[in-house]
């Protein structure tokens, strides 16, 4: 993978993780955990929400990219990546 393609891949990964994490944290704020459950379980549930939202954001971005490449580029890299990485099976 060339340097430019590698940078595009890194940008797309970082953007989807950061945006997904921020959305997940925003959703996790509203998660109500019963008082008798431990603080650790609250942390685990919040982390699970964040992780699931990260994955959902990336999958949604890929679906959008397949149908609307320019919109997908914005969703997955905030327009910073110069192109879509090409992955070659070896």
N, C-alpha and C. Protein backbone atom coordinates (compact mmCIF):
# COMPACT_ATOMS: atom_id res chain seq x y z
N UNK A 1 0.86 -1.16 0.00
CA UNK A 1 0.00 0.00 0.00
C UNK A 1 0.91 1.22 0.00
N UNK A 2 0.66 2.15 -0.90
CA UNK A 2 1.50 3.34 -0.99
C UNK A 2 1.26 4.25 0.21
N UNK A 3 2.19 5.20 0.43
CA UNK A 3 2.09 6.11 1.56
C UNK A 3 0.79 6.90 1.57
N UNK A 4 0.37 7.39 0.39
CA UNK A 4 -0.88 8.16 0.30
C UNK A 4 -2.10 7.32 0.64
N UNK A 5 -2.11 6.09 0.12
CA UNK A 5 -3.24 5.20 0.41
C UNK A 5 -3.25 4.81 1.88
N UNK A 6 -2.06 4.61 2.46
CA UNK A 6 -1.99 4.27 3.87
C UNK A 6 -2.52 5.43 4.71
N UNK A 7 -2.14 6.65 4.36
CA UNK A 7 -2.63 7.83 5.09
C UNK A 7 -4.14 7.92 4.98
N UNK A 8 -4.69 7.69 3.80
CA UNK A 8 -6.15 7.73 3.62
C UNK A 8 -6.83 6.70 4.52
N UNK A 9 -6.26 5.51 4.58
CA UNK A 9 -6.81 4.45 5.41
C UNK A 9 -6.77 4.85 6.89
N UNK A 10 -5.66 5.44 7.31
CA UNK A 10 -5.53 5.88 8.71
C UNK A 10 -6.53 6.98 9.02
N UNK A 11 -6.66 7.95 8.13
CA UNK A 11 -7.62 9.05 8.34
C UNK A 11 -9.02 8.49 8.48
N UNK A 12 -9.40 7.59 7.57
CA UNK A 12 -10.76 7.02 7.61
C UNK A 12 -11.00 6.24 8.89
N UNK A 13 -10.00 5.53 9.37
CA UNK A 13 -10.14 4.76 10.60
C UNK A 13 -10.27 5.70 11.80
N UNK A 14 -9.41 6.69 11.88
CA UNK A 14 -9.42 7.61 13.01
C UNK A 14 -10.71 8.42 13.04
N UNK A 15 -11.12 8.95 11.90
CA UNK A 15 -12.35 9.75 11.86
C UNK A 15 -13.55 8.92 12.28
N UNK A 16 -13.69 7.71 11.74
CA UNK A 16 -14.86 6.90 12.10
C UNK A 16 -14.85 6.54 13.59
N UNK A 17 -13.66 6.31 14.15
CA UNK A 17 -13.58 5.98 15.58
C UNK A 17 -13.91 7.20 16.44
N UNK A 18 -13.36 8.36 16.11
CA UNK A 18 -13.59 9.56 16.91
C UNK A 18 -15.06 9.99 16.83
N UNK A 19 -15.60 10.07 15.63
CA UNK A 19 -17.00 10.47 15.48
C UNK A 19 -17.92 9.44 16.14
N UNK A 20 -17.65 8.17 15.90
CA UNK A 20 -18.46 7.12 16.53
C UNK A 20 -18.37 7.15 18.04
N UNK A 21 -17.17 7.38 18.57
CA UNK A 21 -17.00 7.46 20.02
C UNK A 21 -17.75 8.64 20.60
N UNK A 22 -17.67 9.79 19.95
CA UNK A 22 -18.39 10.97 20.44
C UNK A 22 -19.90 10.75 20.43
N UNK A 23 -20.39 10.16 19.34
CA UNK A 23 -21.82 9.85 19.27
C UNK A 23 -22.21 8.83 20.34
N UNK A 24 -21.37 7.82 20.50
CA UNK A 24 -21.63 6.79 21.50
C UNK A 24 -21.63 7.35 22.92
N UNK A 25 -20.67 8.22 23.21
CA UNK A 25 -20.62 8.85 24.54
C UNK A 25 -21.87 9.70 24.77
N UNK A 26 -22.28 10.40 23.74
CA UNK A 26 -23.50 11.21 23.87
C UNK A 26 -24.71 10.33 24.16
N UNK A 27 -24.78 9.18 23.51
CA UNK A 27 -25.88 8.25 23.78
C UNK A 27 -25.74 7.61 25.15
N UNK A 28 -24.50 7.32 25.55
CA UNK A 28 -24.27 6.65 26.83
C UNK A 28 -24.65 7.54 28.01
N UNK A 29 -24.62 8.84 27.82
CA UNK A 29 -25.01 9.76 28.89
C UNK A 29 -26.44 9.48 29.32
N UNK A 30 -27.26 9.09 28.38
CA UNK A 30 -28.66 8.82 28.69
C UNK A 30 -28.94 7.42 29.20
N UNK A 31 -27.91 6.56 29.27
CA UNK A 31 -28.12 5.20 29.74
C UNK A 31 -28.34 5.21 31.25
N UNK A 32 -29.46 4.65 31.66
CA UNK A 32 -29.79 4.59 33.09
C UNK A 32 -29.47 3.19 33.60
N UNK A 33 -28.60 3.15 34.61
CA UNK A 33 -28.21 1.88 35.21
C UNK A 33 -28.81 1.85 36.61
N UNK A 34 -29.48 0.75 36.97
CA UNK A 34 -30.06 0.65 38.31
C UNK A 34 -29.01 0.91 39.39
N UNK A 35 -29.43 1.57 40.47
CA UNK A 35 -28.52 1.99 41.54
C UNK A 35 -27.76 0.82 42.17
N UNK A 36 -28.36 -0.35 42.22
CA UNK A 36 -27.70 -1.47 42.89
C UNK A 36 -26.57 -2.10 42.07
N UNK A 37 -26.44 -1.72 40.83
CA UNK A 37 -25.35 -2.24 40.00
C UNK A 37 -24.07 -1.46 40.28
N UNK A 38 -22.96 -2.09 40.10
CA UNK A 38 -21.69 -1.47 40.44
C UNK A 38 -21.28 -0.41 39.44
N UNK A 39 -20.35 0.42 39.87
CA UNK A 39 -19.80 1.46 39.00
C UNK A 39 -19.09 0.82 37.81
N UNK A 40 -18.44 -0.32 38.04
CA UNK A 40 -17.73 -1.02 36.97
C UNK A 40 -18.69 -1.44 35.86
N UNK A 41 -19.86 -1.92 36.23
CA UNK A 41 -20.84 -2.32 35.22
C UNK A 41 -21.30 -1.11 34.42
N UNK A 42 -21.42 0.02 35.07
CA UNK A 42 -21.79 1.25 34.37
C UNK A 42 -20.74 1.59 33.32
N UNK A 43 -19.48 1.46 33.70
CA UNK A 43 -18.38 1.74 32.76
C UNK A 43 -18.42 0.75 31.60
N UNK A 44 -18.65 -0.51 31.89
CA UNK A 44 -18.69 -1.54 30.85
C UNK A 44 -19.86 -1.27 29.89
N UNK A 45 -21.01 -0.92 30.43
CA UNK A 45 -22.17 -0.63 29.56
C UNK A 45 -21.91 0.60 28.69
N UNK A 46 -21.31 1.62 29.27
CA UNK A 46 -21.00 2.83 28.50
C UNK A 46 -20.00 2.49 27.39
N UNK A 47 -18.98 1.70 27.70
CA UNK A 47 -17.99 1.30 26.70
C UNK A 47 -18.63 0.47 25.59
N UNK A 48 -19.56 -0.39 25.96
CA UNK A 48 -20.26 -1.21 24.97
C UNK A 48 -21.08 -0.34 24.03
N UNK A 49 -21.76 0.65 24.59
CA UNK A 49 -22.56 1.57 23.76
C UNK A 49 -21.64 2.31 22.80
N UNK A 50 -20.53 2.83 23.31
CA UNK A 50 -19.58 3.56 22.47
C UNK A 50 -19.05 2.65 21.36
N UNK A 51 -18.64 1.44 21.70
CA UNK A 51 -18.11 0.51 20.70
C UNK A 51 -19.13 0.17 19.63
N UNK A 52 -20.35 -0.10 20.03
CA UNK A 52 -21.41 -0.43 19.06
C UNK A 52 -21.70 0.75 18.14
N UNK A 53 -21.72 1.95 18.68
CA UNK A 53 -21.98 3.12 17.85
C UNK A 53 -20.82 3.36 16.88
N UNK A 54 -19.58 3.13 17.33
CA UNK A 54 -18.42 3.26 16.43
C UNK A 54 -18.58 2.33 15.23
N UNK A 55 -18.89 1.08 15.50
CA UNK A 55 -19.05 0.10 14.42
C UNK A 55 -20.21 0.48 13.51
N UNK A 56 -21.33 0.87 14.10
CA UNK A 56 -22.50 1.25 13.30
C UNK A 56 -22.19 2.45 12.42
N UNK A 57 -21.46 3.43 12.95
CA UNK A 57 -21.10 4.61 12.17
C UNK A 57 -20.23 4.22 10.98
N UNK A 58 -19.26 3.36 11.20
CA UNK A 58 -18.37 2.94 10.11
C UNK A 58 -19.15 2.16 9.05
N UNK A 59 -19.97 1.23 9.48
CA UNK A 59 -20.76 0.43 8.53
C UNK A 59 -21.69 1.33 7.72
N UNK A 60 -22.35 2.26 8.40
CA UNK A 60 -23.23 3.20 7.70
C UNK A 60 -22.43 4.03 6.70
N UNK A 61 -21.24 4.48 7.11
CA UNK A 61 -20.39 5.24 6.20
C UNK A 61 -20.01 4.44 4.97
N UNK A 62 -19.69 3.17 5.14
CA UNK A 62 -19.34 2.31 4.00
C UNK A 62 -20.53 2.10 3.08
N UNK A 63 -21.72 1.93 3.66
CA UNK A 63 -22.93 1.76 2.84
C UNK A 63 -23.18 3.03 2.03
N UNK A 64 -23.07 4.17 2.69
CA UNK A 64 -23.25 5.45 1.99
C UNK A 64 -22.21 5.60 0.88
N UNK A 65 -20.97 5.24 1.19
CA UNK A 65 -19.88 5.36 0.21
C UNK A 65 -20.13 4.52 -1.03
N UNK A 66 -20.71 3.34 -0.87
CA UNK A 66 -20.98 2.47 -2.01
C UNK A 66 -22.00 3.11 -2.95
N UNK A 67 -22.94 3.81 -2.38
CA UNK A 67 -24.02 4.39 -3.17
C UNK A 67 -23.72 5.82 -3.62
N UNK A 68 -23.12 6.60 -2.71
CA UNK A 68 -22.82 8.00 -2.95
C UNK A 68 -21.36 8.27 -2.54
N UNK A 69 -20.40 8.00 -3.43
CA UNK A 69 -18.98 8.07 -3.07
C UNK A 69 -18.55 9.39 -2.42
N UNK A 70 -19.02 10.51 -2.92
CA UNK A 70 -18.60 11.79 -2.34
C UNK A 70 -19.13 11.96 -0.93
N UNK A 71 -20.38 11.61 -0.71
CA UNK A 71 -20.97 11.70 0.64
C UNK A 71 -20.27 10.73 1.58
N UNK A 72 -19.96 9.54 1.09
CA UNK A 72 -19.26 8.56 1.91
C UNK A 72 -17.88 9.04 2.32
N UNK A 73 -17.21 9.73 1.40
CA UNK A 73 -15.89 10.28 1.70
C UNK A 73 -15.98 11.30 2.83
N UNK A 74 -17.01 12.11 2.80
CA UNK A 74 -17.21 13.10 3.86
C UNK A 74 -17.53 12.42 5.18
N UNK A 75 -18.40 11.43 5.16
CA UNK A 75 -18.79 10.73 6.38
C UNK A 75 -17.60 9.99 6.99
N UNK A 76 -16.81 9.32 6.17
CA UNK A 76 -15.73 8.48 6.69
C UNK A 76 -14.43 9.22 6.98
N UNK A 77 -14.20 10.36 6.32
CA UNK A 77 -12.92 11.03 6.54
C UNK A 77 -13.06 12.54 6.71
N UNK A 78 -14.29 13.01 6.84
CA UNK A 78 -14.56 14.46 6.92
C UNK A 78 -13.95 15.19 5.73
N UNK A 79 -13.82 14.47 4.61
CA UNK A 79 -13.28 15.05 3.38
C UNK A 79 -11.77 15.18 3.36
N UNK A 80 -11.08 14.67 4.38
CA UNK A 80 -9.62 14.83 4.46
C UNK A 80 -8.88 13.81 3.60
N UNK A 81 -9.43 12.64 3.38
CA UNK A 81 -8.75 11.61 2.58
C UNK A 81 -8.86 11.97 1.11
N UNK A 82 -7.81 11.74 0.37
CA UNK A 82 -7.79 12.08 -1.06
C UNK A 82 -8.49 11.02 -1.92
N UNK A 83 -8.68 9.84 -1.39
CA UNK A 83 -9.31 8.79 -2.16
C UNK A 83 -9.75 7.66 -1.26
N UNK A 84 -10.32 6.65 -1.86
CA UNK A 84 -10.76 5.47 -1.13
C UNK A 84 -9.65 4.43 -1.19
N UNK A 85 -9.23 3.90 -0.03
CA UNK A 85 -8.19 2.86 -0.06
C UNK A 85 -8.65 1.65 -0.85
N UNK A 86 -7.71 1.04 -1.55
CA UNK A 86 -7.98 -0.18 -2.30
C UNK A 86 -7.23 -1.31 -1.59
N UNK A 87 -7.96 -2.31 -1.20
CA UNK A 87 -7.35 -3.44 -0.50
C UNK A 87 -7.22 -4.60 -1.47
N UNK A 88 -6.01 -5.12 -1.59
CA UNK A 88 -5.73 -6.19 -2.54
C UNK A 88 -5.46 -7.47 -1.76
N UNK A 89 -6.20 -8.51 -2.12
CA UNK A 89 -6.00 -9.82 -1.49
C UNK A 89 -4.74 -10.47 -2.05
N UNK A 90 -3.90 -10.94 -1.19
CA UNK A 90 -2.64 -11.55 -1.64
C UNK A 90 -2.61 -13.02 -1.37
